[in-house]
C-alpha atoms as a PDB file:
ATOM      1  CA  MET A   1     168.855 124.372 146.198  1.00  0.00           C
ATOM      2  CA  ARG A   2     169.825 126.403 149.268  1.00  0.00           C
ATOM      3  CA  THR A   3     173.306 124.877 150.565  1.00  0.00           C
ATOM      4  CA  PHE A   4     175.258 125.764 153.601  1.00  0.00           C
ATOM      5  CA  SER A   5     179.234 126.174 153.770  1.00  0.00           C
ATOM      6  CA  GLN A   6     181.446 123.542 155.258  1.00  0.00           C
ATOM      7  CA  ASP A   7     182.704 125.919 158.352  1.00  0.00           C
ATOM      8  CA  PHE A   8     178.193 126.293 159.098  1.00  0.00           C
ATOM      9  CA  GLN A   9     177.708 122.985 159.249  1.00  0.00           C
ATOM     10  CA  THR A  10     180.518 122.875 161.508  1.00  0.00           C
ATOM     11  CA  GLU A  11     179.191 125.312 163.719  1.00  0.00           C
ATOM     12  CA  LEU A  12     175.485 123.959 163.516  1.00  0.00           C
ATOM     13  CA  TYR A  13     177.198 120.643 165.396  1.00  0.00           C
ATOM     14  CA  ASN A  14     178.700 122.859 167.392  1.00  0.00           C
ATOM     15  CA  LEU A  15     175.061 124.634 168.366  1.00  0.00           C
ATOM     16  CA  MET A  16     173.504 121.301 168.998  1.00  0.00           C
ATOM     17  CA  LYS A  17     176.834 120.090 171.113  1.00  0.00           C
ATOM     18  CA  TRP A  18     177.030 122.348 173.726  1.00  0.00           C
ATOM     19  CA  ARG A  19     173.188 122.523 174.077  1.00  0.00           C
ATOM     20  CA  ARG A  20     172.542 122.277 177.577  1.00  0.00           C
ATOM     21  CA  ASP A  21     169.547 121.837 179.639  1.00  0.00           C
ATOM     22  CA  VAL A  22     170.445 124.553 182.594  1.00  0.00           C
ATOM     23  CA  ARG A  23     169.398 125.476 185.998  1.00  0.00           C
ATOM     24  CA  HIS A  24     171.791 127.691 187.166  1.00  0.00           C
ATOM     25  CA  PHE A  25     171.569 131.030 185.924  1.00  0.00           C
ATOM     26  CA  LYS A  26     173.004 135.021 186.740  1.00  0.00           C
ATOM     27  CA  PRO A  27     171.600 137.317 187.902  1.00  0.00           C
ATOM     28  CA  ASP A  28     171.773 139.305 184.662  1.00  0.00           C
ATOM     29  CA  PRO A  29     168.576 140.364 183.403  1.00  0.00           C
ATOM     30  CA  VAL A  30     167.577 139.385 179.372  1.00  0.00           C
ATOM     31  CA  ASP A  31     167.675 142.678 177.552  1.00  0.00           C
ATOM     32  CA  PRO A  32     163.371 141.980 175.658  1.00  0.00           C
ATOM     33  CA  GLU A  33     164.793 142.337 172.868  1.00  0.00           C
ATOM     34  CA  LEU A  34     167.067 139.838 172.381  1.00  0.00           C
ATOM     35  CA  LEU A  35     164.512 137.506 174.109  1.00  0.00           C
ATOM     36  CA  ARG A  36     161.713 138.574 170.944  1.00  0.00           C
ATOM     37  CA  LYS A  37     164.493 137.980 168.435  1.00  0.00           C
ATOM     38  CA  CYS A  38     165.150 134.509 169.806  1.00  0.00           C
ATOM     39  CA  LEU A  39     161.203 133.750 169.924  1.00  0.00           C
ATOM     40  CA  ASP A  40     160.985 135.033 166.191  1.00  0.00           C
ATOM     41  CA  ALA A  41     162.185 131.188 166.028  1.00  0.00           C
ATOM     42  CA  PHE A  42     158.780 130.113 166.852  1.00  0.00           C
ATOM     43  CA  GLN A  43     157.304 131.795 163.825  1.00  0.00           C
ATOM     44  CA  MET A  44     159.628 129.829 161.798  1.00  0.00           C
ATOM     45  CA  ALA A  45     158.927 126.544 163.618  1.00  0.00           C
ATOM     46  CA  PRO A  46     157.276 123.920 161.258  1.00  0.00           C
ATOM     47  CA  SER A  47     153.313 122.199 162.626  1.00  0.00           C
ATOM     48  CA  VAL A  48     151.317 120.082 161.847  1.00  0.00           C
ATOM     49  CA  GLY A  49     148.678 121.600 159.255  1.00  0.00           C
ATOM     50  CA  LEU A  50     150.553 124.713 159.805  1.00  0.00           C
ATOM     51  CA  SER A  51     148.659 125.337 162.770  1.00  0.00           C
ATOM     52  CA  GLU A  52     150.600 127.140 164.979  1.00  0.00           C
ATOM     53  CA  PRO A  53     149.233 125.739 168.376  1.00  0.00           C
ATOM     54  CA  TRP A  54     151.712 127.054 170.547  1.00  0.00           C
ATOM     55  CA  ARG A  55     150.430 129.621 173.127  1.00  0.00           C
ATOM     56  CA  ILE A  56     153.293 131.433 175.505  1.00  0.00           C
ATOM     57  CA  VAL A  57     152.419 132.557 178.474  1.00  0.00           C
ATOM     58  CA  THR A  58     154.925 135.331 180.333  1.00  0.00           C
ATOM     59  CA  VAL A  59     155.176 134.271 183.816  1.00  0.00           C
ATOM     60  CA  ASN A  60     156.085 137.810 185.197  1.00  0.00           C
ATOM     61  CA  SER A  61     154.523 138.505 189.139  1.00  0.00           C
ATOM     62  CA  PRO A  62     155.368 137.326 191.991  1.00  0.00           C
ATOM     63  CA  LEU A  63     152.619 135.646 192.881  1.00  0.00           C
ATOM     64  CA  ALA A  64     152.385 133.972 189.371  1.00  0.00           C
ATOM     65  CA  ARG A  65     156.014 132.629 190.122  1.00  0.00           C
ATOM     66  CA  GLN A  66     155.127 131.748 193.625  1.00  0.00           C
ATOM     67  CA  LYS A  67     152.724 129.540 192.588  1.00  0.00           C
ATOM     68  CA  SER A  68     154.618 128.312 189.959  1.00  0.00           C
ATOM     69  CA  LEU A  69     157.726 127.439 192.445  1.00  0.00           C
ATOM     70  CA  ASP A  70     155.405 126.087 195.209  1.00  0.00           C
ATOM     71  CA  ASN A  71     153.932 123.753 192.705  1.00  0.00           C
ATOM     72  CA  PHE A  72     157.345 122.538 191.165  1.00  0.00           C
ATOM     73  CA  LYS A  73     158.525 121.454 194.818  1.00  0.00           C
ATOM     74  CA  ALA A  74     155.133 119.803 195.370  1.00  0.00           C
ATOM     75  CA  ALA A  75     156.067 118.134 192.368  1.00  0.00           C
ATOM     76  CA  ASN A  76     159.514 116.963 193.412  1.00  0.00           C
ATOM     77  CA  ALA A  77     159.118 115.703 196.814  1.00  0.00           C
ATOM     78  CA  ASP A  78     156.765 113.815 195.209  1.00  0.00           C
ATOM     79  CA  ALA A  79     159.278 112.451 192.921  1.00  0.00           C
ATOM     80  CA  LEU A  80     161.894 112.252 195.733  1.00  0.00           C
ATOM     81  CA  ALA A  81     159.253 109.654 197.610  1.00  0.00           C
ATOM     82  CA  SER A  82     159.701 107.496 194.541  1.00  0.00           C
ATOM     83  CA  TYR A  83     163.626 106.559 194.947  1.00  0.00           C
ATOM     84  CA  GLU A  84     165.696 104.817 197.939  1.00  0.00           C
ATOM     85  CA  GLY A  85     168.980 104.466 198.893  1.00  0.00           C
ATOM     86  CA  LYS A  86     171.836 106.067 197.922  1.00  0.00           C
ATOM     87  CA  ARG A  87     169.433 107.064 194.058  1.00  0.00           C
ATOM     88  CA  ALA A  88     167.189 109.053 196.640  1.00  0.00           C
ATOM     89  CA  THR A  89     170.560 111.154 198.438  1.00  0.00           C
ATOM     90  CA  THR A  90     171.761 111.815 194.455  1.00  0.00           C
ATOM     91  CA  TYR A  91     168.271 112.935 193.523  1.00  0.00           C
ATOM     92  CA  ALA A  92     168.076 115.186 196.212  1.00  0.00           C
ATOM     93  CA  ALA A  93     170.737 116.812 195.898  1.00  0.00           C
ATOM     94  CA  LEU A  94     169.945 117.529 192.350  1.00  0.00           C
ATOM     95  CA  LYS A  95     169.297 120.991 191.012  1.00  0.00           C
ATOM     96  CA  LEU A  96     166.258 119.996 188.869  1.00  0.00           C
ATOM     97  CA  SER A  97     164.530 124.266 188.817  1.00  0.00           C
ATOM     98  CA  GLY A  98     166.349 127.169 187.821  1.00  0.00           C
ATOM     99  CA  MET A  99     162.545 128.936 188.560  1.00  0.00           C
ATOM    100  CA  SER A 100     164.355 130.605 191.878  1.00  0.00           C
ATOM    101  CA  ASP A 101     166.458 132.801 190.057  1.00  0.00           C
ATOM    102  CA  ALA A 102     166.011 133.360 186.159  1.00  0.00           C
ATOM    103  CA  PRO A 103     165.365 136.137 184.904  1.00  0.00           C
ATOM    104  CA  VAL A 104     162.416 134.639 181.764  1.00  0.00           C
ATOM    105  CA  GLN A 105     160.516 132.236 182.942  1.00  0.00           C
ATOM    106  CA  LEU A 106     157.985 130.809 179.701  1.00  0.00           C
ATOM    107  CA  ALA A 107     155.012 128.422 179.821  1.00  0.00           C
ATOM    108  CA  VAL A 108     154.149 127.242 176.448  1.00  0.00           C
ATOM    109  CA  PHE A 109     150.656 125.836 175.988  1.00  0.00           C
ATOM    110  CA  CYS A 110     149.139 123.740 173.255  1.00  0.00           C
ATOM    111  CA  ALA A 111     145.671 124.647 172.437  1.00  0.00           C
ATOM    112  CA  GLU A 112     144.430 121.191 171.417  1.00  0.00           C
ATOM    113  CA  ASP A 113     141.392 122.491 169.580  1.00  0.00           C
ATOM    114  CA  THR A 114     142.739 124.576 167.602  1.00  0.00           C
ATOM    115  CA  ALA A 115     140.619 125.300 164.169  1.00  0.00           C
ATOM    116  CA  LYS A 116     143.840 126.960 162.320  1.00  0.00           C
ATOM    117  CA  GLY A 117     145.360 124.566 160.345  1.00  0.00           C
ATOM    118  CA  ARG A 118     141.925 122.555 159.941  1.00  0.00           C
ATOM    119  CA  GLY A 119     142.522 119.319 161.156  1.00  0.00           C
ATOM    120  CA  ILE A 120     145.047 118.605 158.563  1.00  0.00           C
ATOM    121  CA  GLY A 121     147.165 115.832 160.081  1.00  0.00           C
ATOM    122  CA  VAL A 122     145.350 115.139 162.962  1.00  0.00           C
ATOM    123  CA  GLN A 123     142.743 112.932 162.639  1.00  0.00           C
ATOM    124  CA  THR A 124     144.773 110.564 163.500  1.00  0.00           C
ATOM    125  CA  MET A 125     147.279 111.238 165.510  1.00  0.00           C
ATOM    126  CA  PRO A 126     145.978 114.350 167.733  1.00  0.00           C
ATOM    127  CA  GLU A 127     149.434 114.277 169.633  1.00  0.00           C
ATOM    128  CA  MET A 128     151.256 115.525 166.706  1.00  0.00           C
ATOM    129  CA  ARG A 129     149.938 119.585 168.014  1.00  0.00           C
ATOM    130  CA  ARG A 130     152.687 118.947 171.201  1.00  0.00           C
ATOM    131  CA  TYR A 131     155.282 117.555 168.780  1.00  0.00           C
ATOM    132  CA  SER A 132     154.768 120.890 166.531  1.00  0.00           C
ATOM    133  CA  VAL A 133     154.880 122.639 169.968  1.00  0.00           C
ATOM    134  CA  VAL A 134     157.801 120.685 171.366  1.00  0.00           C
ATOM    135  CA  SER A 135     159.832 121.069 167.503  1.00  0.00           C
ATOM    136  CA  ALA A 136     159.165 124.757 167.844  1.00  0.00           C
ATOM    137  CA  ILE A 137     160.726 125.274 171.576  1.00  0.00           C
ATOM    138  CA  MET A 138     163.199 123.599 170.216  1.00  0.00           C
ATOM    139  CA  SER A 139     164.293 126.015 167.659  1.00  0.00           C
ATOM    140  CA  PHE A 140     163.878 128.424 169.865  1.00  0.00           C
ATOM    141  CA  TRP A 141     166.360 126.653 172.081  1.00  0.00           C
ATOM    142  CA  LEU A 142     169.335 126.589 170.117  1.00  0.00           C
ATOM    143  CA  ALA A 143     167.947 130.305 168.376  1.00  0.00           C
ATOM    144  CA  ALA A 144     168.434 131.417 172.085  1.00  0.00           C
ATOM    145  CA  ARG A 145     171.853 129.244 172.423  1.00  0.00           C
ATOM    146  CA  ALA A 146     173.404 130.923 169.724  1.00  0.00           C
ATOM    147  CA  HIS A 147     172.944 134.258 171.393  1.00  0.00           C
ATOM    148  CA  GLY A 148     174.919 132.852 174.591  1.00  0.00           C
ATOM    149  CA  LEU A 149     171.363 132.461 177.016  1.00  0.00           C
ATOM    150  CA  GLY A 150     170.733 129.420 178.810  1.00  0.00           C
ATOM    151  CA  LEU A 151     167.752 127.687 178.816  1.00  0.00           C
ATOM    152  CA  GLY A 152     166.265 124.820 181.095  1.00  0.00           C
ATOM    153  CA  TRP A 153     162.973 122.889 180.665  1.00  0.00           C
ATOM    154  CA  VAL A 154     161.471 122.492 184.070  1.00  0.00           C
ATOM    155  CA  SER A 155     159.042 118.566 183.870  1.00  0.00           C
ATOM    156  CA  ILE A 156     159.026 118.261 187.608  1.00  0.00           C
ATOM    157  CA  ILE A 157     155.790 120.223 187.261  1.00  0.00           C
ATOM    158  CA  ASP A 158     151.807 119.701 187.859  1.00  0.00           C
ATOM    159  CA  PRO A 159     150.591 120.793 184.246  1.00  0.00           C
ATOM    160  CA  VAL A 160     146.781 121.246 185.070  1.00  0.00           C
ATOM    161  CA  GLN A 161     147.616 122.542 188.765  1.00  0.00           C
ATOM    162  CA  LEU A 162     150.217 125.048 186.518  1.00  0.00           C
ATOM    163  CA  ARG A 163     146.859 126.028 184.069  1.00  0.00           C
ATOM    164  CA  THR A 164     144.660 126.308 186.934  1.00  0.00           C
ATOM    165  CA  ASP A 165     146.779 128.576 188.881  1.00  0.00           C
ATOM    166  CA  LEU A 166     148.114 130.675 186.012  1.00  0.00           C
ATOM    167  CA  ASP A 167     144.351 131.029 184.920  1.00  0.00           C
ATOM    168  CA  LEU A 168     143.685 129.700 181.206  1.00  0.00           C
ATOM    169  CA  PRO A 169     141.602 128.002 178.897  1.00  0.00           C
ATOM    170  CA  ASP A 170     140.968 124.594 179.836  1.00  0.00           C
ATOM    171  CA  ASN A 171     141.651 123.246 176.221  1.00  0.00           C
ATOM    172  CA  TRP A 172     145.315 124.567 176.657  1.00  0.00           C
ATOM    173  CA  SER A 173     147.662 121.347 177.651  1.00  0.00           C
ATOM    174  CA  LEU A 174     150.840 122.699 179.280  1.00  0.00           C
ATOM    175  CA  VAL A 175     154.490 121.506 177.018  1.00  0.00           C
ATOM    176  CA  ALA A 176     156.910 122.701 178.733  1.00  0.00           C
ATOM    177  CA  TYR A 177     157.794 125.670 181.350  1.00  0.00           C
ATOM    178  CA  LEU A 178     161.623 127.045 180.458  1.00  0.00           C
ATOM    179  CA  CYS A 179     163.678 129.018 182.422  1.00  0.00           C
ATOM    180  CA  ILE A 180     165.888 131.628 180.572  1.00  0.00           C
ATOM    181  CA  GLY A 181     168.467 133.780 181.711  1.00  0.00           C
ATOM    182  CA  TRP A 182     172.218 134.236 181.105  1.00  0.00           C
ATOM    183  CA  PRO A 183     174.135 130.832 182.818  1.00  0.00           C
ATOM    184  CA  LYS A 184     176.712 130.715 185.192  1.00  0.00           C
ATOM    185  CA  GLU A 185     179.028 128.117 183.616  1.00  0.00           C
ATOM    186  CA  GLU A 186     179.828 126.658 180.065  1.00  0.00           C
ATOM    187  CA  THR A 187     179.355 122.928 179.544  1.00  0.00           C
ATOM    188  CA  GLU A 188     179.437 120.333 176.863  1.00  0.00           C
ATOM    189  CA  THR A 189     178.444 117.564 179.366  1.00  0.00           C
ATOM    190  CA  PRO A 190     174.820 117.163 180.471  1.00  0.00           C
ATOM    191  CA  GLU A 191     174.240 117.809 184.399  1.00  0.00           C
ATOM    192  CA  LEU A 192     173.176 114.585 184.538  1.00  0.00           C
ATOM    193  CA  GLU A 193     175.833 112.627 183.545  1.00  0.00           C
ATOM    194  CA  THR A 194     178.107 114.961 185.770  1.00  0.00           C
ATOM    195  CA  VAL A 195     176.570 113.769 188.276  1.00  0.00           C
ATOM    196  CA  GLY A 196     176.363 110.270 187.594  1.00  0.00           C
ATOM    197  CA  TRP A 197     173.093 109.845 187.609  1.00  0.00           C
ATOM    198  CA  GLU A 198     173.203 108.670 184.311  1.00  0.00           C
ATOM    199  CA  MET A 199     175.067 108.668 180.661  1.00  0.00           C
ATOM    200  CA  ARG A 200     174.441 109.625 177.196  1.00  0.00           C
ATOM    201  CA  ASN A 201     174.782 106.904 174.318  1.00  0.00           C
ATOM    202  CA  ALA A 202     178.528 106.478 173.337  1.00  0.00           C
ATOM    203  CA  GLN A 203     177.262 105.659 169.698  1.00  0.00           C
ATOM    204  CA  LEU A 204     173.516 106.458 167.717  1.00  0.00           C
ATOM    205  CA  THR A 205     171.168 103.930 168.839  1.00  0.00           C
ATOM    206  CA  THR A 206     171.430 100.628 166.232  1.00  0.00           C
ATOM    207  CA  LEU A 207     168.541 101.557 163.476  1.00  0.00           C
ATOM    208  CA  ILE A 208     165.888  98.465 163.095  1.00  0.00           C
ATOM    209  CA  GLU A 209     165.324  97.431 159.745  1.00  0.00           C
ATOM    210  CA  ARG A 210     162.015  96.034 158.407  1.00  0.00           C
END
């Protein structure tokens, strides 16, 4: 059985603690070779039935980026309208996307009807394919953070509109729009906690026994 040193274990937990959802990026470019090295984490990620259902789209062209940003702005305006009073004021002040300045932007989809994997594990829970994509994204996120890169996951976006704007197959479901680059600052405290939007639980959620 492969074992890991106590120093490695400590650093692993530090990596998870310092992984942040980044919204503020420096304009510095990301070396394509470094990005490729981080993306290799997808190849090592688990997936139901070994289906590897992730489909990664690089959003590079000015037109594609503008359509994606417009999508976010429209969805964010709708979200703001659902809050009132002080909560609305706080929400309006949040920067919830790094799409205006992140040098690398990826849209990660799930191929819902991929033949790879031959259907193992999805007969009763087809959503396992999407869970597999999420697991792969987390592996990529940690790899990126280990190299000093920041990643921001944009979820305030119309997934169907994005798929249409990027001219992608109808059987692809959006899982994540990722902004990647060098963070302007580093912190172990979530930004939403810093501004008082929500607080992280101080201890592990109580386990339920049956």
